[in-house]
C-alpha atoms as a PDB file:
ATOM      1  CA  MET A   1      85.491-185.764 125.995  1.00  0.00           C
ATOM      2  CA  LYS A   2      86.616-188.575 123.726  1.00  0.00           C
ATOM      3  CA  PRO A   3      85.509-188.377 120.085  1.00  0.00           C
ATOM      4  CA  SER A   4      83.541-191.139 118.540  1.00  0.00           C
ATOM      5  CA  PRO A   5      85.771-192.681 115.849  1.00  0.00           C
ATOM      6  CA  VAL A   6      82.735-193.032 113.622  1.00  0.00           C
ATOM      7  CA  LEU A   7      81.859-189.321 113.868  1.00  0.00           C
ATOM      8  CA  GLU A   8      85.287-187.708 113.986  1.00  0.00           C
ATOM      9  CA  ALA A   9      86.171-188.025 110.290  1.00  0.00           C
ATOM     10  CA  PRO A  10      82.791-186.820 108.928  1.00  0.00           C
ATOM     11  CA  ILE A  11      82.725-183.880 111.353  1.00  0.00           C
ATOM     12  CA  LEU A  12      86.250-182.879 110.322  1.00  0.00           C
ATOM     13  CA  PHE A  13      85.299-183.257 106.633  1.00  0.00           C
ATOM     14  CA  TRP A  14      82.266-180.978 107.010  1.00  0.00           C
ATOM     15  CA  HIS A  15      84.320-178.536 109.063  1.00  0.00           C
ATOM     16  CA  LEU A  16      86.961-178.215 106.336  1.00  0.00           C
ATOM     17  CA  THR A  17      84.275-178.061 103.631  1.00  0.00           C
ATOM     18  CA  ALA A  18      82.548-175.236 105.488  1.00  0.00           C
ATOM     19  CA  ILE A  19      85.849-173.348 105.720  1.00  0.00           C
ATOM     20  CA  ALA A  20      86.252-173.708 101.951  1.00  0.00           C
ATOM     21  CA  LEU A  21      82.672-172.526 101.350  1.00  0.00           C
ATOM     22  CA  ALA A  22      83.210-169.517 103.588  1.00  0.00           C
ATOM     23  CA  LEU A  23      86.489-168.535 101.940  1.00  0.00           C
ATOM     24  CA  VAL A  24      86.354-169.459  98.250  1.00  0.00           C
ATOM     25  CA  PRO A  25      83.098-167.792  97.038  1.00  0.00           C
ATOM     26  CA  PRO A  26      84.041-164.288  98.280  1.00  0.00           C
ATOM     27  CA  LEU A  27      87.539-164.676  96.831  1.00  0.00           C
ATOM     28  CA  PHE A  28      86.210-165.921  93.493  1.00  0.00           C
ATOM     29  CA  PHE A  29      83.546-163.227  93.391  1.00  0.00           C
ATOM     30  CA  GLY A  30      85.982-160.456  94.310  1.00  0.00           C
ATOM     31  CA  PHE A  31      88.827-161.467  92.036  1.00  0.00           C
ATOM     32  CA  ALA A  32      87.062-163.065  89.065  1.00  0.00           C
ATOM     33  CA  VAL A  33      83.320-162.462  88.735  1.00  0.00           C
ATOM     34  CA  ALA A  34      82.947-158.792  89.669  1.00  0.00           C
ATOM     35  CA  PRO A  35      86.021-157.471  87.814  1.00  0.00           C
ATOM     36  CA  ALA A  36      85.125-159.471  84.708  1.00  0.00           C
ATOM     37  CA  ALA A  37      81.503-158.291  84.754  1.00  0.00           C
ATOM     38  CA  PHE A  38      82.466-154.645  85.180  1.00  0.00           C
ATOM     39  CA  GLN A  39      85.095-154.930  82.450  1.00  0.00           C
ATOM     40  CA  ILE A  40      83.019-156.789  79.853  1.00  0.00           C
ATOM     41  CA  LEU A  41      79.581-155.197  80.219  1.00  0.00           C
ATOM     42  CA  PRO A  42      79.140-151.721  78.734  1.00  0.00           C
ATOM     43  CA  THR A  43      77.691-149.985  81.822  1.00  0.00           C
ATOM     44  CA  ARG A  44      78.154-150.323  85.553  1.00  0.00           C
ATOM     45  CA  ASP A  45      74.401-150.643  85.999  1.00  0.00           C
ATOM     46  CA  MET A  46      74.321-153.741  83.801  1.00  0.00           C
ATOM     47  CA  ALA A  47      77.267-155.242  85.668  1.00  0.00           C
ATOM     48  CA  ALA A  48      75.663-154.447  89.017  1.00  0.00           C
ATOM     49  CA  SER A  49      72.363-156.044  87.996  1.00  0.00           C
ATOM     50  CA  LEU A  50      74.337-159.181  87.120  1.00  0.00           C
ATOM     51  CA  THR A  51      76.554-159.290  90.216  1.00  0.00           C
ATOM     52  CA  SER A  52      73.959-158.376  92.848  1.00  0.00           C
ATOM     53  CA  PRO A  53      72.140-161.760  92.799  1.00  0.00           C
ATOM     54  CA  ILE A  54      75.477-163.591  92.702  1.00  0.00           C
ATOM     55  CA  LEU A  55      76.663-161.643  95.739  1.00  0.00           C
ATOM     56  CA  THR A  56      73.451-162.527  97.584  1.00  0.00           C
ATOM     57  CA  LYS A  57      74.009-166.238  96.903  1.00  0.00           C
ATOM     58  CA  ALA A  58      77.635-165.940  98.072  1.00  0.00           C
ATOM     59  CA  CYS A  59      76.315-164.434 101.317  1.00  0.00           C
ATOM     60  CA  TRP A  60      73.932-167.384 101.731  1.00  0.00           C
ATOM     61  CA  LEU A  61      76.826-169.806 101.308  1.00  0.00           C
ATOM     62  CA  ALA A  62      78.895-167.889 103.851  1.00  0.00           C
ATOM     63  CA  GLU A  63      76.041-167.740 106.360  1.00  0.00           C
ATOM     64  CA  GLY A  64      75.371-171.473 106.137  1.00  0.00           C
ATOM     65  CA  SER A  65      79.024-172.349 106.351  1.00  0.00           C
ATOM     66  CA  PHE A  66      79.598-170.158 109.417  1.00  0.00           C
ATOM     67  CA  VAL A  67      76.636-171.756 111.202  1.00  0.00           C
ATOM     68  CA  LEU A  68      78.145-175.157 110.410  1.00  0.00           C
ATOM     69  CA  LEU A  69      81.595-173.934 111.481  1.00  0.00           C
ATOM     70  CA  LEU A  70      80.247-172.800 114.821  1.00  0.00           C
ATOM     71  CA  GLY A  71      78.903-176.263 115.588  1.00  0.00           C
ATOM     72  CA  THR A  72      81.829-178.246 114.246  1.00  0.00           C
ATOM     73  CA  SER A  73      84.366-175.953 115.926  1.00  0.00           C
ATOM     74  CA  LEU A  74      82.705-176.525 119.273  1.00  0.00           C
ATOM     75  CA  LEU A  75      82.674-180.288 118.762  1.00  0.00           C
ATOM     76  CA  LEU A  76      86.224-180.643 117.462  1.00  0.00           C
ATOM     77  CA  ALA A  77      87.671-178.323 120.085  1.00  0.00           C
ATOM     78  CA  ARG A  78      85.991-180.250 122.860  1.00  0.00           C
ATOM     79  CA  TRP A  79      86.968-183.658 121.450  1.00  0.00           C
ATOM     80  CA  TRP A  80      90.602-182.709 120.900  1.00  0.00           C
ATOM     81  CA  ASN A  81      90.996-180.753 124.155  1.00  0.00           C
ATOM     82  CA  ALA A  82      91.934-177.609 122.279  1.00  0.00           C
ATOM     83  CA  PRO A  83      93.413-174.740 124.294  1.00  0.00           C
ATOM     84  CA  ARG A  84      90.770-172.405 125.622  1.00  0.00           C
ATOM     85  CA  LEU A  85      92.094-169.398 123.686  1.00  0.00           C
ATOM     86  CA  SER A  86      92.037-171.091 120.290  1.00  0.00           C
ATOM     87  CA  ARG A  87      88.615-172.649 120.976  1.00  0.00           C
ATOM     88  CA  SER A  88      87.274-169.230 121.912  1.00  0.00           C
ATOM     89  CA  LEU A  89      88.921-167.631 118.890  1.00  0.00           C
ATOM     90  CA  ALA A  90      87.449-170.152 116.452  1.00  0.00           C
ATOM     91  CA  THR A  91      83.899-169.945 117.799  1.00  0.00           C
ATOM     92  CA  ARG A  92      83.957-166.152 117.983  1.00  0.00           C
ATOM     93  CA  ALA A  93      85.352-165.952 114.459  1.00  0.00           C
ATOM     94  CA  ALA A  94      82.445-168.108 113.270  1.00  0.00           C
ATOM     95  CA  ILE A  95      79.972-165.743 114.934  1.00  0.00           C
ATOM     96  CA  LEU A  96      81.776-162.698 113.509  1.00  0.00           C
ATOM     97  CA  GLY A  97      81.768-164.202 110.010  1.00  0.00           C
ATOM     98  CA  LEU A  98      78.056-164.968 110.268  1.00  0.00           C
ATOM     99  CA  ILE A  99      77.264-161.433 111.415  1.00  0.00           C
ATOM    100  CA  ALA A 100      79.438-159.869 108.698  1.00  0.00           C
ATOM    101  CA  SER A 101      77.824-161.896 105.926  1.00  0.00           C
ATOM    102  CA  LEU A 102      74.356-161.058 107.285  1.00  0.00           C
ATOM    103  CA  VAL A 103      75.274-157.352 107.275  1.00  0.00           C
ATOM    104  CA  VAL A 104      76.323-157.544 103.638  1.00  0.00           C
ATOM    105  CA  GLU A 105      73.214-159.454 102.579  1.00  0.00           C
ATOM    106  CA  LYS A 106      70.553-157.663 104.646  1.00  0.00           C
ATOM    107  CA  LEU A 107      71.928-154.168 105.248  1.00  0.00           C
ATOM    108  CA  LEU A 108      74.192-153.323 102.297  1.00  0.00           C
ATOM    109  CA  ILE A 109      72.941-155.079  99.155  1.00  0.00           C
ATOM    110  CA  PRO A 110      69.318-153.783  99.344  1.00  0.00           C
ATOM    111  CA  PRO A 111      70.306-150.086  99.638  1.00  0.00           C
ATOM    112  CA  ILE A 112      72.819-150.457  96.806  1.00  0.00           C
ATOM    113  CA  ASP A 113      70.121-151.957  94.583  1.00  0.00           C
ATOM    114  CA  LYS A 114      67.647-149.250  95.641  1.00  0.00           C
ATOM    115  CA  ILE A 115      70.118-146.455  94.816  1.00  0.00           C
ATOM    116  CA  ARG A 116      70.672-147.933  91.366  1.00  0.00           C
ATOM    117  CA  GLU A 117      66.914-148.188  90.743  1.00  0.00           C
ATOM    118  CA  GLU A 118      66.119-144.657  91.939  1.00  0.00           C
ATOM    119  CA  ALA A 119      69.039-142.898  90.271  1.00  0.00           C
ATOM    120  CA  PRO A 120      67.791-140.298  87.780  1.00  0.00           C
ATOM    121  CA  SER A 121      69.948-141.826  85.047  1.00  0.00           C
ATOM    122  CA  LEU A 122      72.693-144.390  84.717  1.00  0.00           C
ATOM    123  CA  ILE A 123      75.202-144.187  87.559  1.00  0.00           C
ATOM    124  CA  ASP A 124      77.977-143.835  84.971  1.00  0.00           C
ATOM    125  CA  ASN A 125      76.371-140.645  83.611  1.00  0.00           C
ATOM    126  CA  LEU A 126      75.977-138.929  86.989  1.00  0.00           C
ATOM    127  CA  PRO A 127      78.577-136.345  88.011  1.00  0.00           C
ATOM    128  CA  ALA A 128      81.141-137.429  90.590  1.00  0.00           C
ATOM    129  CA  ALA A 129      79.638-135.042  93.197  1.00  0.00           C
ATOM    130  CA  ASP A 130      76.113-136.466  92.834  1.00  0.00           C
ATOM    131  CA  PRO A 131      74.757-137.664  96.233  1.00  0.00           C
ATOM    132  CA  SER A 132      73.562-140.973  94.747  1.00  0.00           C
ATOM    133  CA  ARG A 133      76.979-141.758  93.347  1.00  0.00           C
ATOM    134  CA  ILE A 134      78.737-140.783  96.604  1.00  0.00           C
ATOM    135  CA  LEU A 135      76.353-142.886  98.696  1.00  0.00           C
ATOM    136  CA  LEU A 136      76.749-145.840  96.326  1.00  0.00           C
ATOM    137  CA  ALA A 137      80.547-145.620  96.629  1.00  0.00           C
ATOM    138  CA  ARG A 138      80.279-145.596 100.435  1.00  0.00           C
ATOM    139  CA  TYR A 139      78.014-148.638 100.488  1.00  0.00           C
ATOM    140  CA  HIS A 140      80.373-150.403  98.089  1.00  0.00           C
ATOM    141  CA  ARG A 141      83.385-149.706 100.336  1.00  0.00           C
ATOM    142  CA  LEU A 142      81.427-150.959 103.351  1.00  0.00           C
ATOM    143  CA  SER A 143      80.475-154.175 101.570  1.00  0.00           C
ATOM    144  CA  LEU A 144      84.120-154.744 100.631  1.00  0.00           C
ATOM    145  CA  ALA A 145      85.174-154.201 104.241  1.00  0.00           C
ATOM    146  CA  PHE A 146      82.581-156.640 105.559  1.00  0.00           C
ATOM    147  CA  PHE A 147      83.551-159.237 102.961  1.00  0.00           C
ATOM    148  CA  ALA A 148      87.154-158.833 104.121  1.00  0.00           C
ATOM    149  CA  ILE A 149      85.920-159.568 107.648  1.00  0.00           C
ATOM    150  CA  VAL A 150      84.159-162.702 106.350  1.00  0.00           C
ATOM    151  CA  MET A 151      87.367-163.935 104.716  1.00  0.00           C
ATOM    152  CA  ALA A 152      89.479-163.059 107.762  1.00  0.00           C
ATOM    153  CA  ALA A 153      87.108-164.988 110.027  1.00  0.00           C
ATOM    154  CA  ALA A 154      87.382-168.049 107.780  1.00  0.00           C
ATOM    155  CA  ILE A 155      91.193-167.787 107.798  1.00  0.00           C
ATOM    156  CA  VAL A 156      91.231-167.548 111.611  1.00  0.00           C
ATOM    157  CA  ILE A 157      89.101-170.685 111.857  1.00  0.00           C
ATOM    158  CA  LEU A 158      91.366-172.459 109.368  1.00  0.00           C
ATOM    159  CA  ALA A 159      94.456-171.505 111.386  1.00  0.00           C
ATOM    160  CA  SER A 160      92.821-172.715 114.615  1.00  0.00           C
ATOM    161  CA  THR A 161      91.854-176.001 112.973  1.00  0.00           C
ATOM    162  CA  VAL A 162      95.382-176.548 111.657  1.00  0.00           C
ATOM    163  CA  ARG A 163      96.732-175.864 115.125  1.00  0.00           C
ATOM    164  CA  TRP A 164      94.281-178.329 116.692  1.00  0.00           C
ATOM    165  CA  ILE A 165      95.235-181.032 114.218  1.00  0.00           C
ATOM    166  CA  ALA A 166      98.971-180.411 114.717  1.00  0.00           C
ATOM    167  CA  ARG A 167      98.572-180.391 118.497  1.00  0.00           C
ATOM    168  CA  ARG A 168      96.620-183.596 118.384  1.00  0.00           C
ATOM    169  CA  GLY A 169      99.616-185.475 117.022  1.00  0.00           C
ATOM    170  CA  PRO A 170      99.641-188.686 115.064  1.00  0.00           C
ATOM    171  CA  ILE A 171      96.606-190.893 115.097  1.00  0.00           C
ATOM    172  CA  ALA A 172      96.939-193.714 117.585  1.00  0.00           C
ATOM    173  CA  ARG A 173      97.266-197.055 115.891  1.00  0.00           C
ATOM    174  CA  PRO A 174      96.304-200.338 117.471  1.00  0.00           C
ATOM    175  CA  PRO A 175      99.252-202.211 118.957  1.00  0.00           C
ATOM    176  CA  ALA A 176     100.948-204.625 116.622  1.00  0.00           C
ATOM    177  CA  ALA A 177     100.274-208.287 117.192  1.00  0.00           C
ATOM    178  CA  ALA A 178     102.930-210.116 119.171  1.00  0.00           C
ATOM    179  CA  PRO A 179     105.247-212.188 117.012  1.00  0.00           C
ATOM    180  CA  PRO A 180     104.451-215.882 116.998  1.00  0.00           C
ATOM    181  CA  PRO A 181     106.446-217.925 119.494  1.00  0.00           C
ATOM    182  CA  VAL A 182     109.650-219.452 118.196  1.00  0.00           C
ATOM    183  CA  PRO A 183     109.559-223.230 118.379  1.00  0.00           C
ATOM    184  CA  LYS A 184     112.164-224.762 120.615  1.00  0.00           C
ATOM    185  CA  LEU A 185     114.657-227.064 119.030  1.00  0.00           C
ATOM    186  CA  LEU A 186     114.912-230.566 120.253  1.00  0.00           C
ATOM    187  CA  ASP A 187     118.209-231.170 122.021  1.00  0.00           C
ATOM    188  CA  LEU A 188     119.426-234.733 121.211  1.00  0.00           C
ATOM    189  CA  SER A 189     123.052-234.392 122.245  1.00  0.00           C
ATOM    190  CA  ASP A 190     123.422-237.273 124.768  1.00  0.00           C
END
């Protein structure tokens, strides 16, 4: 299928933007927001009450971007005649990223918040062997693992896109206009 020149650039722009929105918020949250909140605020409960809504919004961004990536990956792969393996890899990575971000938002954040609410005292004050603290640590490790899956899926899609663009080659340019004809000189040698 031949891409429409009018649609190709905007689709590629939204595809790359969606990759950035799937990759950057989890990285920024994991390496800047969460460590800073847990370091600055006096208790882990206060830091968790601050980071939980931010994490939910990051999941929303990831979910939306992976839905967009699924559609744009299908279009770009079809337009550029991408190899079947890389097309399959990109679309499946988009589905995996969507599922992983949904798991974090719907299945891991609510129980973490519920454990913090129902804990008999601050999580920091509970002994290390307390069931609430152990369960909270497990949920936290699971959420980190699923966020790693989200970032890995975005990186796989980025690698597939780079490969498609490189395989596509240079953009075809219209042929150059023929040079104007050279006027013939008048031969007056008789």
